[in-house]
Amino acid sequence: MIRWPHETNLRVSYAIFLLERLNNPAQALSQLIKISEESNSLEREFTVFRFKNIIKDILLVGNCTGLTDNTLSDFITYDTFFKSFKEKIKSTSALVTEFWGVLLESKPSLRRIIKIGFKISSQMKRIEHYFQVMEKIYSSFIPTVQLYTHFVLQVFYDRNKAQSLVDK
């Protein structure tokens, strides 16, 4: 039985209700799949697609961590921080490469070294902050810990910190 067959907005809201209030991601996903089978506007298709992917990720995270009581807003917050986390890791890695490139020059500019070092330091603080926030939402979520451990080990060669992250 399809509830509200002609009200797509209401059905999407119902799917979110199933997820948030009734803690039933499987039924919410089923509702969204039924909505996506109909012809909808591009905006509605995108909304349904996005929520389907979020619910699938929630189901995956719940299976990996054993946590199923996290809300949709927690997952969206985590997803936002994770994207920023990955971007900062990429830009910090590029800065470290640039830093070592400047040091290898025959006459390195001290101002440039200090400027790059300051950028690396500030980005490292942001990366650590993002990691701490994501750990509060999903503690010890394997992909996050692996990415951060790989970054610490490969870019900064800090085996002690990497080992402590793995031991958690």
Foldseek 3Di string as FASTA:
>chain_A
DQPPPPDLVVLLVVLLCCCQVVLHLVVSLVSLVVSCVDDDDPVSNVVSVVSNVLSVVLVVLCVQQVDSNAHSVLSVVLVVLVVVLVVLLVVLLVLLVVLVVLVPDPDRDPVVNVVSVVVNVVSVVSNVVSLVSNCVSRNCRPVSLVVVLCSCCVRVVPPVVSVVSVVD
